[in-house]
Amino acid sequence: MKKIGFYLVFIITVSGCGWYTSSDAIKLEPKTFESKLNESRGVQLVDVRTPKEFSQGHIKSAININFFSENFDDSLNILNKDKPVYIYCRSGKRSSKSVSKFKDAGFKTIYELDGGILNWRSEGLKTMNKD
């Protein structure tokens, strides 16, 4: 019974903090993701949606590297593998799939926006339109 209580408290605590880890990335709820972006300098923020989706609104300072692009893996080389990378997509599916590609490319710290930009917007957080 004690073990069940401990696990229940642990799960509630982790959920309440707004983050949890998958096998290769740290998933962050939108407001926690935004806070981490704001407290970090020179953030590498990558939107893995298509250019059309990106032009319809993206998080400020994001760069677009299309997950469906033939040269997606090569495009990751423009980033600094020693610095944390923050990734997101529309709903979280493509960013989750891209985590292994970032890992394979040598990235050590990967933050993923849980629920993608849809979840970001549902929390009332702002997006930018492509200039």
N, C-alpha and C. Protein backbone atom coordinates (compact mmCIF):
# COMPACT_ATOMS: atom_id res chain seq x y z
N MET A 1 0.83 -1.19 0.00
CA MET A 1 0.00 0.00 0.00
C MET A 1 0.87 1.25 0.00
N LYS A 2 1.99 1.22 0.76
CA LYS A 2 2.89 2.36 0.80
C LYS A 2 3.47 2.67 -0.57
N LYS A 3 3.81 1.59 -1.30
CA LYS A 3 4.38 1.78 -2.64
C LYS A 3 3.40 2.47 -3.56
N ILE A 4 2.16 2.07 -3.52
CA ILE A 4 1.14 2.68 -4.38
C ILE A 4 1.01 4.16 -4.05
N GLY A 5 1.00 4.49 -2.78
CA GLY A 5 0.92 5.89 -2.37
C GLY A 5 2.11 6.69 -2.85
N PHE A 6 3.30 6.11 -2.73
CA PHE A 6 4.51 6.79 -3.19
C PHE A 6 4.45 7.06 -4.69
N TYR A 7 4.07 6.04 -5.47
CA TYR A 7 3.99 6.21 -6.92
C TYR A 7 2.93 7.23 -7.30
N LEU A 8 1.82 7.22 -6.62
CA LEU A 8 0.75 8.17 -6.89
C LEU A 8 1.24 9.60 -6.63
N VAL A 9 1.90 9.82 -5.50
CA VAL A 9 2.44 11.14 -5.17
C VAL A 9 3.48 11.55 -6.21
N PHE A 10 4.35 10.62 -6.62
CA PHE A 10 5.38 10.92 -7.62
C PHE A 10 4.76 11.35 -8.95
N ILE A 11 3.75 10.61 -9.41
CA ILE A 11 3.10 10.93 -10.68
C ILE A 11 2.42 12.28 -10.61
N ILE A 12 1.73 12.55 -9.54
CA ILE A 12 1.06 13.84 -9.38
C ILE A 12 2.07 14.97 -9.34
N THR A 13 3.18 14.77 -8.63
CA THR A 13 4.22 15.79 -8.54
C THR A 13 4.82 16.07 -9.91
N VAL A 14 5.17 15.04 -10.65
CA VAL A 14 5.77 15.22 -11.96
C VAL A 14 4.78 15.89 -12.91
N SER A 15 3.53 15.46 -12.88
CA SER A 15 2.52 16.07 -13.74
C SER A 15 2.31 17.52 -13.38
N GLY A 16 2.30 17.84 -12.12
CA GLY A 16 2.11 19.21 -11.68
C GLY A 16 3.25 20.13 -12.06
N CYS A 17 4.43 19.59 -12.21
CA CYS A 17 5.59 20.41 -12.59
C CYS A 17 5.54 20.78 -14.06
N GLY A 18 4.70 20.14 -14.84
CA GLY A 18 4.55 20.50 -16.23
C GLY A 18 5.58 19.86 -17.14
N TRP A 19 6.30 18.86 -16.67
CA TRP A 19 7.26 18.19 -17.54
C TRP A 19 7.30 16.71 -17.24
N TYR A 20 7.76 15.98 -18.21
CA TYR A 20 8.06 14.58 -18.03
C TYR A 20 9.00 14.18 -19.15
N THR A 21 9.68 13.08 -18.99
CA THR A 21 10.63 12.67 -20.01
C THR A 21 10.12 11.47 -20.76
N SER A 22 10.39 11.50 -22.05
CA SER A 22 10.21 10.29 -22.84
C SER A 22 11.58 9.64 -22.81
N SER A 23 11.82 8.67 -23.63
CA SER A 23 13.11 8.02 -23.59
C SER A 23 14.25 8.93 -24.02
N ASP A 24 13.98 9.91 -24.87
CA ASP A 24 15.05 10.73 -25.41
C ASP A 24 14.85 12.24 -25.29
N ALA A 25 13.70 12.69 -24.88
CA ALA A 25 13.43 14.13 -24.81
C ALA A 25 12.72 14.48 -23.51
N ILE A 26 12.82 15.74 -23.15
CA ILE A 26 12.09 16.25 -22.00
C ILE A 26 10.87 16.97 -22.56
N LYS A 27 9.70 16.41 -22.31
CA LYS A 27 8.46 17.02 -22.80
C LYS A 27 8.02 18.07 -21.79
N LEU A 28 7.69 19.24 -22.31
CA LEU A 28 7.26 20.34 -21.46
C LEU A 28 5.88 20.83 -21.87
N GLU A 29 5.06 21.10 -20.89
CA GLU A 29 3.77 21.74 -21.14
C GLU A 29 4.04 23.15 -21.67
N PRO A 30 3.10 23.75 -22.41
CA PRO A 30 3.34 25.04 -23.06
C PRO A 30 3.91 26.15 -22.17
N LYS A 31 3.34 26.37 -21.01
CA LYS A 31 3.81 27.48 -20.17
C LYS A 31 5.22 27.21 -19.63
N THR A 32 5.53 25.97 -19.34
CA THR A 32 6.87 25.61 -18.90
C THR A 32 7.85 25.75 -20.05
N PHE A 33 7.44 25.33 -21.24
CA PHE A 33 8.25 25.46 -22.46
C PHE A 33 8.57 26.95 -22.69
N GLU A 34 7.55 27.79 -22.59
CA GLU A 34 7.74 29.23 -22.78
C GLU A 34 8.71 29.79 -21.74
N SER A 35 8.55 29.40 -20.49
CA SER A 35 9.45 29.87 -19.43
C SER A 35 10.90 29.48 -19.71
N LYS A 36 11.12 28.23 -20.12
CA LYS A 36 12.47 27.76 -20.44
C LYS A 36 13.05 28.57 -21.61
N LEU A 37 12.23 28.85 -22.60
CA LEU A 37 12.69 29.65 -23.74
C LEU A 37 13.10 31.05 -23.28
N ASN A 38 12.30 31.64 -22.42
CA ASN A 38 12.56 33.00 -21.95
C ASN A 38 13.77 33.11 -21.04
N GLU A 39 14.08 32.06 -20.31
CA GLU A 39 15.19 32.12 -19.36
C GLU A 39 16.53 31.73 -19.99
N SER A 40 16.48 31.22 -21.21
CA SER A 40 17.70 30.78 -21.89
C SER A 40 18.14 31.81 -22.92
N ARG A 41 19.45 31.91 -23.12
CA ARG A 41 20.00 32.81 -24.14
C ARG A 41 20.40 32.00 -25.36
N GLY A 42 20.19 32.58 -26.53
CA GLY A 42 20.60 31.92 -27.76
C GLY A 42 19.92 30.59 -27.98
N VAL A 43 18.65 30.54 -27.72
CA VAL A 43 17.88 29.30 -27.81
C VAL A 43 17.83 28.79 -29.25
N GLN A 44 17.96 27.49 -29.39
CA GLN A 44 17.78 26.81 -30.67
C GLN A 44 16.36 26.25 -30.68
N LEU A 45 15.45 26.99 -31.28
CA LEU A 45 14.04 26.61 -31.33
C LEU A 45 13.70 26.18 -32.75
N VAL A 46 13.28 24.93 -32.89
CA VAL A 46 13.04 24.36 -34.21
C VAL A 46 11.58 23.94 -34.36
N ASP A 47 10.95 24.48 -35.38
CA ASP A 47 9.59 24.11 -35.77
C ASP A 47 9.74 23.09 -36.89
N VAL A 48 9.28 21.87 -36.68
CA VAL A 48 9.47 20.81 -37.67
C VAL A 48 8.27 20.64 -38.60
N ARG A 49 7.39 21.63 -38.63
CA ARG A 49 6.24 21.58 -39.54
C ARG A 49 6.66 21.98 -40.95
N THR A 50 5.73 21.92 -41.87
CA THR A 50 5.99 22.31 -43.25
C THR A 50 6.12 23.84 -43.32
N PRO A 51 6.78 24.35 -44.37
CA PRO A 51 6.88 25.81 -44.53
C PRO A 51 5.50 26.50 -44.56
N LYS A 52 4.52 25.86 -45.17
CA LYS A 52 3.17 26.44 -45.22
C LYS A 52 2.59 26.58 -43.81
N GLU A 53 2.72 25.53 -43.02
CA GLU A 53 2.23 25.58 -41.63
C GLU A 53 2.98 26.66 -40.85
N PHE A 54 4.30 26.71 -41.04
CA PHE A 54 5.14 27.68 -40.35
C PHE A 54 4.68 29.10 -40.66
N SER A 55 4.35 29.36 -41.94
CA SER A 55 3.94 30.71 -42.35
C SER A 55 2.59 31.11 -41.76
N GLN A 56 1.83 30.14 -41.30
CA GLN A 56 0.52 30.43 -40.70
C GLN A 56 0.63 30.79 -39.23
N GLY A 57 1.84 30.81 -38.70
CA GLY A 57 2.08 31.19 -37.31
C GLY A 57 3.06 30.25 -36.66
N HIS A 58 4.03 30.83 -35.98
CA HIS A 58 5.07 30.05 -35.30
C HIS A 58 5.49 30.77 -34.03
N ILE A 59 6.21 30.09 -33.19
CA ILE A 59 6.71 30.69 -31.95
C ILE A 59 7.87 31.61 -32.31
N LYS A 60 7.90 32.77 -31.68
CA LYS A 60 8.93 33.77 -31.95
C LYS A 60 10.33 33.14 -31.86
N SER A 61 11.18 33.48 -32.78
CA SER A 61 12.58 33.05 -32.88
C SER A 61 12.76 31.61 -33.38
N ALA A 62 11.67 30.97 -33.78
CA ALA A 62 11.78 29.60 -34.29
C ALA A 62 12.36 29.61 -35.70
N ILE A 63 13.12 28.56 -35.99
CA ILE A 63 13.54 28.31 -37.37
C ILE A 63 12.76 27.10 -37.86
N ASN A 64 12.52 27.06 -39.16
CA ASN A 64 11.72 25.98 -39.73
C ASN A 64 12.62 24.95 -40.41
N ILE A 65 12.57 23.72 -39.90
CA ILE A 65 13.23 22.60 -40.55
C ILE A 65 12.15 21.54 -40.75
N ASN A 66 11.68 21.43 -41.97
CA ASN A 66 10.56 20.58 -42.34
C ASN A 66 10.89 19.10 -42.13
N PHE A 67 10.14 18.46 -41.25
CA PHE A 67 10.34 17.04 -40.95
C PHE A 67 10.22 16.18 -42.21
N PHE A 68 9.36 16.59 -43.14
CA PHE A 68 9.13 15.80 -44.35
C PHE A 68 10.14 16.08 -45.46
N SER A 69 11.04 17.01 -45.24
CA SER A 69 12.05 17.35 -46.24
C SER A 69 13.03 16.20 -46.44
N GLU A 70 13.47 16.02 -47.68
CA GLU A 70 14.45 14.97 -47.99
C GLU A 70 15.76 15.19 -47.24
N ASN A 71 16.08 16.44 -46.95
CA ASN A 71 17.36 16.75 -46.30
C ASN A 71 17.19 17.14 -44.82
N PHE A 72 16.14 16.61 -44.18
CA PHE A 72 15.89 16.93 -42.78
C PHE A 72 17.11 16.62 -41.92
N ASP A 73 17.64 15.41 -42.05
CA ASP A 73 18.78 15.00 -41.24
C ASP A 73 19.99 15.92 -41.46
N ASP A 74 20.27 16.25 -42.71
CA ASP A 74 21.39 17.14 -43.02
C ASP A 74 21.16 18.54 -42.47
N SER A 75 19.91 18.99 -42.46
CA SER A 75 19.59 20.33 -41.98
C SER A 75 19.88 20.50 -40.49
N LEU A 76 19.88 19.41 -39.75
CA LEU A 76 20.17 19.49 -38.32
C LEU A 76 21.60 19.93 -38.06
N ASN A 77 22.46 19.79 -39.06
CA ASN A 77 23.87 20.16 -38.90
C ASN A 77 24.10 21.66 -38.80
N ILE A 78 23.08 22.48 -39.09
CA ILE A 78 23.24 23.92 -38.93
C ILE A 78 23.15 24.33 -37.47
N LEU A 79 22.71 23.41 -36.62
CA LEU A 79 22.53 23.69 -35.20
C LEU A 79 23.74 23.22 -34.39
N ASN A 80 23.89 23.81 -33.21
CA ASN A 80 24.97 23.45 -32.30
C ASN A 80 24.53 22.26 -31.45
N LYS A 81 25.16 21.13 -31.65
CA LYS A 81 24.76 19.90 -30.96
C LYS A 81 25.07 19.91 -29.47
N ASP A 82 25.94 20.83 -29.05
CA ASP A 82 26.31 20.92 -27.64
C ASP A 82 25.35 21.78 -26.84
N LYS A 83 24.46 22.49 -27.53
CA LYS A 83 23.47 23.33 -26.85
C LYS A 83 22.12 22.63 -26.87
N PRO A 84 21.29 22.90 -25.87
CA PRO A 84 19.94 22.33 -25.89
C PRO A 84 19.17 22.77 -27.13
N VAL A 85 18.29 21.92 -27.58
CA VAL A 85 17.42 22.25 -28.70
C VAL A 85 15.97 22.08 -28.25
N TYR A 86 15.13 23.01 -28.66
CA TYR A 86 13.70 23.00 -28.34
C TYR A 86 12.96 22.72 -29.64
N ILE A 87 12.07 21.74 -29.64
CA ILE A 87 11.37 21.38 -30.88
C ILE A 87 9.87 21.32 -30.65
N TYR A 88 9.16 21.60 -31.74
CA TYR A 88 7.71 21.48 -31.70
C TYR A 88 7.17 21.30 -33.12
N CYS A 89 5.92 20.87 -33.20
CA CYS A 89 5.23 20.72 -34.48
C CYS A 89 3.78 21.16 -34.26
N ARG A 90 2.88 20.60 -35.00
CA ARG A 90 1.47 20.98 -34.89
C ARG A 90 0.83 20.39 -33.63
N SER A 91 0.93 19.06 -33.48
CA SER A 91 0.24 18.41 -32.37
C SER A 91 1.15 17.58 -31.47
N GLY A 92 2.39 17.42 -31.88
CA GLY A 92 3.33 16.65 -31.09
C GLY A 92 3.78 15.35 -31.75
N LYS A 93 3.12 14.95 -32.81
CA LYS A 93 3.48 13.68 -33.46
C LYS A 93 4.80 13.77 -34.21
N ARG A 94 4.95 14.78 -35.06
CA ARG A 94 6.20 14.91 -35.82
C ARG A 94 7.37 15.24 -34.93
N SER A 95 7.14 16.08 -33.92
CA SER A 95 8.27 16.40 -33.03
C SER A 95 8.70 15.15 -32.26
N SER A 96 7.75 14.32 -31.85
CA SER A 96 8.11 13.07 -31.17
C SER A 96 8.90 12.15 -32.09
N LYS A 97 8.48 12.09 -33.36
CA LYS A 97 9.20 11.26 -34.32
C LYS A 97 10.59 11.82 -34.61
N SER A 98 10.73 13.14 -34.55
CA SER A 98 12.01 13.75 -34.89
C SER A 98 13.04 13.64 -33.75
N VAL A 99 12.59 13.35 -32.54
CA VAL A 99 13.51 13.26 -31.40
C VAL A 99 14.63 12.28 -31.68
N SER A 100 14.32 11.11 -32.22
CA SER A 100 15.37 10.12 -32.49
C SER A 100 16.35 10.63 -33.53
N LYS A 101 15.88 11.44 -34.47
CA LYS A 101 16.77 12.01 -35.48
C LYS A 101 17.71 13.03 -34.85
N PHE A 102 17.20 13.82 -33.92
CA PHE A 102 18.06 14.77 -33.20
C PHE A 102 19.08 14.00 -32.36
N LYS A 103 18.64 12.95 -31.69
CA LYS A 103 19.55 12.12 -30.89
C LYS A 103 20.64 11.51 -31.77
N ASP A 104 20.23 10.93 -32.90
CA ASP A 104 21.19 10.32 -33.82
C ASP A 104 22.19 11.33 -34.36
N ALA A 105 21.75 12.59 -34.47
CA ALA A 105 22.63 13.65 -34.98
C ALA A 105 23.61 14.13 -33.91
N GLY A 106 23.40 13.70 -32.66
CA GLY A 106 24.34 14.03 -31.59
C GLY A 106 23.85 15.03 -30.57
N PHE A 107 22.58 15.41 -30.61
CA PHE A 107 22.07 16.35 -29.63
C PHE A 107 21.89 15.63 -28.29
N LYS A 108 22.32 16.30 -27.23
CA LYS A 108 22.28 15.69 -25.91
C LYS A 108 21.05 16.10 -25.11
N THR A 109 20.64 17.36 -25.24
CA THR A 109 19.49 17.86 -24.49
C THR A 109 18.43 18.34 -25.46
N ILE A 110 17.27 17.67 -25.42
CA ILE A 110 16.17 17.97 -26.33
C ILE A 110 14.92 18.24 -25.50
N TYR A 111 14.34 19.42 -25.71
CA TYR A 111 13.07 19.76 -25.08
C TYR A 111 12.00 19.73 -26.16
N GLU A 112 10.90 19.08 -25.86
CA GLU A 112 9.81 18.96 -26.82
C GLU A 112 8.54 19.57 -26.24
N LEU A 113 7.88 20.39 -27.05
CA LEU A 113 6.61 21.01 -26.64
C LEU A 113 5.51 19.95 -26.68
N ASP A 114 4.98 19.61 -25.53
CA ASP A 114 3.92 18.62 -25.43
C ASP A 114 2.65 19.15 -26.08
N GLY A 115 2.13 18.40 -27.04
CA GLY A 115 0.88 18.79 -27.71
C GLY A 115 1.07 19.79 -28.83
N GLY A 116 2.31 20.16 -29.11
CA GLY A 116 2.61 21.04 -30.23
C GLY A 116 2.02 22.43 -30.12
N ILE A 117 2.02 23.11 -31.26
CA ILE A 117 1.55 24.50 -31.29
C ILE A 117 0.04 24.59 -31.04
N LEU A 118 -0.69 23.52 -31.30
CA LEU A 118 -2.12 23.52 -30.96
C LEU A 118 -2.31 23.69 -29.46
N ASN A 119 -1.53 22.97 -28.68
CA ASN A 119 -1.59 23.06 -27.22
C ASN A 119 -1.09 24.43 -26.77
N TRP A 120 -0.03 24.93 -27.39
CA TRP A 120 0.53 26.26 -27.11
C TRP A 120 -0.57 27.32 -27.25
N ARG A 121 -1.26 27.30 -28.39
CA ARG A 121 -2.33 28.28 -28.65
C ARG A 121 -3.51 28.09 -27.70
N SER A 122 -3.83 26.84 -27.35
CA SER A 122 -4.96 26.60 -26.45
C SER A 122 -4.71 27.19 -25.06
N GLU A 123 -3.42 27.39 -24.73
CA GLU A 123 -3.05 28.02 -23.46
C GLU A 123 -3.01 29.54 -23.57
N GLY A 124 -3.38 30.07 -24.74
CA GLY A 124 -3.42 31.52 -24.94
C GLY A 124 -2.06 32.14 -25.22
N LEU A 125 -1.08 31.32 -25.58
CA LEU A 125 0.26 31.84 -25.86
C LEU A 125 0.33 32.32 -27.31
N LYS A 126 1.13 33.34 -27.54
CA LYS A 126 1.18 34.01 -28.83
C LYS A 126 2.08 33.31 -29.85
N THR A 127 1.71 33.52 -31.12
CA THR A 127 2.53 33.06 -32.23
C THR A 127 2.79 34.25 -33.15
N MET A 128 3.79 34.09 -33.99
CA MET A 128 4.17 35.12 -34.96
C MET A 128 3.80 34.62 -36.35
N ASN A 129 3.46 35.55 -37.24
CA ASN A 129 3.29 35.19 -38.64
C ASN A 129 4.61 35.39 -39.34
N LYS A 130 4.85 34.61 -40.39
CA LYS A 130 6.10 34.72 -41.12
C LYS A 130 6.23 36.12 -41.70
N ASP A 131 7.43 36.67 -41.59
CA ASP A 131 7.67 38.04 -42.11
C ASP A 131 7.73 38.03 -43.61
